[in-house]
Amino acid sequence: MHKTAIQTSIENYINAYNSFDVAGMMALLHPEIAFENISNGEVTLSIKGIANFKQQAEEATRYFTTREQKITQLTIKDDSAEALIAYTAILAHDLPNGIKAGDKLELEGRSVFTFRDGKIIRLQDYS
């Protein structure tokens, strides 16, 4: 896959994510998508398959009133890319850890995208 196509796909995915457009996100994913969320070196969520990913993505839209990922750096090599991400969100509901609805989250992390057949086949989010 050409670097420009990879960059465009990642930007489109993040734009869809930011606007809570689950259908837009799904259009960019390979049917065999594998997703992992890794926090402090531990896998906190692992999903396989587009149907499971869609279910999780739809659930996640209810957690926040706003959310935004911004790419601060993008490195593309072969059929994969690493994006450094600045993330902000406003919570829609209180969380068990004491964070309240209306609180603003600000995080930095990175996402690794791997492509097959022009679609995202693997996505790993690190924080």
C-alpha atoms as a PDB file:
ATOM      1  CA  MET A   1       0.000   0.000   0.000  1.00  0.00           C
ATOM      2  CA  HIS A   2       1.308   3.462  -0.861  1.00  0.00           C
ATOM      3  CA  LYS A   3       2.241   5.778   2.026  1.00  0.00           C
ATOM      4  CA  THR A   4      -0.296   8.378   0.925  1.00  0.00           C
ATOM      5  CA  ALA A   5      -3.109   5.794   0.969  1.00  0.00           C
ATOM      6  CA  ILE A   6      -2.064   4.618   4.448  1.00  0.00           C
ATOM      7  CA  GLN A   7      -1.978   8.188   5.763  1.00  0.00           C
ATOM      8  CA  THR A   8      -5.356   8.989   4.230  1.00  0.00           C
ATOM      9  CA  SER A   9      -6.933   5.831   5.699  1.00  0.00           C
ATOM     10  CA  ILE A  10      -5.601   6.621   9.169  1.00  0.00           C
ATOM     11  CA  GLU A  11      -6.762  10.243   8.975  1.00  0.00           C
ATOM     12  CA  ASN A  12     -10.208   9.111   7.792  1.00  0.00           C
ATOM     13  CA  TYR A  13     -10.422   6.551  10.600  1.00  0.00           C
ATOM     14  CA  ILE A  14      -9.514   9.151  13.242  1.00  0.00           C
ATOM     15  CA  ASN A  15     -11.942  11.697  11.772  1.00  0.00           C
ATOM     16  CA  ALA A  16     -14.722   9.084  11.931  1.00  0.00           C
ATOM     17  CA  TYR A  17     -13.710   8.193  15.507  1.00  0.00           C
ATOM     18  CA  ASN A  18     -13.737  11.847  16.566  1.00  0.00           C
ATOM     19  CA  SER A  19     -17.208  12.392  15.099  1.00  0.00           C
ATOM     20  CA  PHE A  20     -18.665   9.176  16.623  1.00  0.00           C
ATOM     21  CA  ASP A  21     -19.159   7.810  13.075  1.00  0.00           C
ATOM     22  CA  VAL A  22     -19.019   4.055  13.701  1.00  0.00           C
ATOM     23  CA  ALA A  23     -20.065   3.225  10.114  1.00  0.00           C
ATOM     24  CA  GLY A  24     -17.231   5.400   8.825  1.00  0.00           C
ATOM     25  CA  MET A  25     -14.770   3.573  11.065  1.00  0.00           C
ATOM     26  CA  MET A  26     -16.048   0.156   9.950  1.00  0.00           C
ATOM     27  CA  ALA A  27     -15.645   1.048   6.270  1.00  0.00           C
ATOM     28  CA  LEU A  28     -11.877   1.265   6.797  1.00  0.00           C
ATOM     29  CA  LEU A  29     -11.452  -2.030   8.664  1.00  0.00           C
ATOM     30  CA  HIS A  30     -10.597  -5.464   7.321  1.00  0.00           C
ATOM     31  CA  PRO A  31     -13.214  -8.121   8.229  1.00  0.00           C
ATOM     32  CA  GLU A  32     -10.531  -9.911  10.295  1.00  0.00           C
ATOM     33  CA  ILE A  33      -9.593  -6.810  12.319  1.00  0.00           C
ATOM     34  CA  ALA A  34      -7.689  -7.478  15.527  1.00  0.00           C
ATOM     35  CA  PHE A  35      -7.728  -4.702  18.138  1.00  0.00           C
ATOM     36  CA  GLU A  36      -5.753  -4.420  21.358  1.00  0.00           C
ATOM     37  CA  ASN A  37      -5.727  -1.708  23.988  1.00  0.00           C
ATOM     38  CA  ILE A  38      -2.486  -1.806  25.961  1.00  0.00           C
ATOM     39  CA  SER A  39      -2.181   0.279  29.118  1.00  0.00           C
ATOM     40  CA  ASN A  40       1.003   0.315  31.189  1.00  0.00           C
ATOM     41  CA  GLY A  41       2.269  -2.711  29.266  1.00  0.00           C
ATOM     42  CA  GLU A  42      -0.827  -4.850  29.896  1.00  0.00           C
ATOM     43  CA  VAL A  43      -3.523  -5.779  27.366  1.00  0.00           C
ATOM     44  CA  THR A  44      -6.740  -4.362  28.822  1.00  0.00           C
ATOM     45  CA  LEU A  45      -8.966  -5.139  25.830  1.00  0.00           C
ATOM     46  CA  SER A  46      -8.600  -7.562  22.929  1.00  0.00           C
ATOM     47  CA  ILE A  47     -11.147  -7.846  20.101  1.00  0.00           C
ATOM     48  CA  LYS A  48     -11.150 -10.010  16.990  1.00  0.00           C
ATOM     49  CA  GLY A  49     -13.464  -9.632  14.020  1.00  0.00           C
ATOM     50  CA  ILE A  50     -15.363  -6.706  12.603  1.00  0.00           C
ATOM     51  CA  ALA A  51     -18.697  -7.553  14.305  1.00  0.00           C
ATOM     52  CA  ASN A  52     -17.080  -7.558  17.754  1.00  0.00           C
ATOM     53  CA  PHE A  53     -15.187  -4.366  16.966  1.00  0.00           C
ATOM     54  CA  LYS A  54     -18.383  -2.663  15.825  1.00  0.00           C
ATOM     55  CA  GLN A  55     -20.180  -3.654  19.039  1.00  0.00           C
ATOM     56  CA  GLN A  56     -17.360  -2.220  21.176  1.00  0.00           C
ATOM     57  CA  ALA A  57     -17.152   0.950  19.062  1.00  0.00           C
ATOM     58  CA  GLU A  58     -20.889   1.546  19.452  1.00  0.00           C
ATOM     59  CA  GLU A  59     -20.679   1.022  23.232  1.00  0.00           C
ATOM     60  CA  ALA A  60     -17.725   3.406  23.471  1.00  0.00           C
ATOM     61  CA  THR A  61     -19.721   6.240  21.876  1.00  0.00           C
ATOM     62  CA  ARG A  62     -21.840   6.360  25.042  1.00  0.00           C
ATOM     63  CA  TYR A  63     -18.847   6.973  27.336  1.00  0.00           C
ATOM     64  CA  PHE A  64     -18.074  10.491  26.113  1.00  0.00           C
ATOM     65  CA  THR A  65     -19.885  13.677  25.140  1.00  0.00           C
ATOM     66  CA  THR A  66     -16.876  14.700  23.027  1.00  0.00           C
ATOM     67  CA  ARG A  67     -13.650  12.956  22.102  1.00  0.00           C
ATOM     68  CA  GLU A  68     -10.746  13.893  19.895  1.00  0.00           C
ATOM     69  CA  GLN A  69      -7.623  12.139  18.761  1.00  0.00           C
ATOM     70  CA  LYS A  70      -4.968  14.322  17.149  1.00  0.00           C
ATOM     71  CA  ILE A  71      -1.985  12.846  15.355  1.00  0.00           C
ATOM     72  CA  THR A  72       1.158  14.590  16.572  1.00  0.00           C
ATOM     73  CA  GLN A  73       3.526  12.387  14.548  1.00  0.00           C
ATOM     74  CA  LEU A  74       3.019   9.681  11.934  1.00  0.00           C
ATOM     75  CA  THR A  75       5.674   7.185  10.838  1.00  0.00           C
ATOM     76  CA  ILE A  76       4.834   4.842   7.969  1.00  0.00           C
ATOM     77  CA  LYS A  77       6.887   1.774   7.060  1.00  0.00           C
ATOM     78  CA  ASP A  78       5.761  -0.835   4.550  1.00  0.00           C
ATOM     79  CA  ASP A  79       2.142  -1.784   5.388  1.00  0.00           C
ATOM     80  CA  SER A  80       2.073  -0.364   8.905  1.00  0.00           C
ATOM     81  CA  ALA A  81       2.173   2.993  10.621  1.00  0.00           C
ATOM     82  CA  GLU A  82       2.710   4.344  14.104  1.00  0.00           C
ATOM     83  CA  ALA A  83       0.807   7.450  15.113  1.00  0.00           C
ATOM     84  CA  LEU A  84       1.610   9.436  18.232  1.00  0.00           C
ATOM     85  CA  ILE A  85      -1.730  10.621  19.559  1.00  0.00           C
ATOM     86  CA  ALA A  86      -2.891  13.460  21.809  1.00  0.00           C
ATOM     87  CA  TYR A  87      -6.298  12.478  23.161  1.00  0.00           C
ATOM     88  CA  THR A  88      -8.918  14.612  24.880  1.00  0.00           C
ATOM     89  CA  ALA A  89     -12.446  13.658  25.883  1.00  0.00           C
ATOM     90  CA  ILE A  90     -15.302  14.786  28.117  1.00  0.00           C
ATOM     91  CA  LEU A  91     -16.926  11.990  30.108  1.00  0.00           C
ATOM     92  CA  ALA A  92     -20.646  11.384  29.708  1.00  0.00           C
ATOM     93  CA  HIS A  93     -20.982   9.268  32.891  1.00  0.00           C
ATOM     94  CA  ASP A  94     -19.322   8.880  36.272  1.00  0.00           C
ATOM     95  CA  LEU A  95     -16.683   6.133  36.392  1.00  0.00           C
ATOM     96  CA  PRO A  96     -16.002   3.733  39.284  1.00  0.00           C
ATOM     97  CA  ASN A  97     -12.488   5.195  39.715  1.00  0.00           C
ATOM     98  CA  GLY A  98     -13.953   8.533  40.831  1.00  0.00           C
ATOM     99  CA  ILE A  99     -13.816  10.432  37.549  1.00  0.00           C
ATOM    100  CA  LYS A 100     -17.115  12.291  37.124  1.00  0.00           C
ATOM    101  CA  ALA A 101     -19.359  13.063  34.175  1.00  0.00           C
ATOM    102  CA  GLY A 102     -18.217  16.320  32.621  1.00  0.00           C
ATOM    103  CA  ASP A 103     -14.580  15.766  33.619  1.00  0.00           C
ATOM    104  CA  LYS A 104     -11.998  16.230  30.878  1.00  0.00           C
ATOM    105  CA  LEU A 105      -9.523  13.453  30.123  1.00  0.00           C
ATOM    106  CA  GLU A 106      -6.204  14.309  28.505  1.00  0.00           C
ATOM    107  CA  LEU A 107      -3.881  11.491  27.503  1.00  0.00           C
ATOM    108  CA  GLU A 108      -0.971  10.861  25.209  1.00  0.00           C
ATOM    109  CA  GLY A 109      -0.370   7.547  23.548  1.00  0.00           C
ATOM    110  CA  ARG A 110       0.356   5.845  20.298  1.00  0.00           C
ATOM    111  CA  SER A 111      -1.568   3.734  17.848  1.00  0.00           C
ATOM    112  CA  VAL A 112      -0.063   1.146  15.531  1.00  0.00           C
ATOM    113  CA  PHE A 113      -2.036   0.426  12.361  1.00  0.00           C
ATOM    114  CA  THR A 114      -1.322  -2.586  10.138  1.00  0.00           C
ATOM    115  CA  PHE A 115      -2.909  -2.895   6.699  1.00  0.00           C
ATOM    116  CA  ARG A 116      -3.920  -5.809   4.480  1.00  0.00           C
ATOM    117  CA  ASP A 117      -5.860  -5.605   1.222  1.00  0.00           C
ATOM    118  CA  GLY A 118      -6.136  -1.828   1.628  1.00  0.00           C
ATOM    119  CA  LYS A 119      -7.876  -2.074   5.022  1.00  0.00           C
ATOM    120  CA  ILE A 120      -6.796  -1.859   8.664  1.00  0.00           C
ATOM    121  CA  ILE A 121      -6.261  -5.481   9.789  1.00  0.00           C
ATOM    122  CA  ARG A 122      -4.683  -4.726  13.178  1.00  0.00           C
ATOM    123  CA  LEU A 123      -4.929  -1.752  15.500  1.00  0.00           C
ATOM    124  CA  GLN A 124      -3.026  -1.482  18.751  1.00  0.00           C
ATOM    125  CA  ASP A 125      -3.605   1.469  21.094  1.00  0.00           C
ATOM    126  CA  TYR A 126      -0.919   2.107  23.713  1.00  0.00           C
ATOM    127  CA  SER A 127      -1.276   4.426  26.688  1.00  0.00           C
END
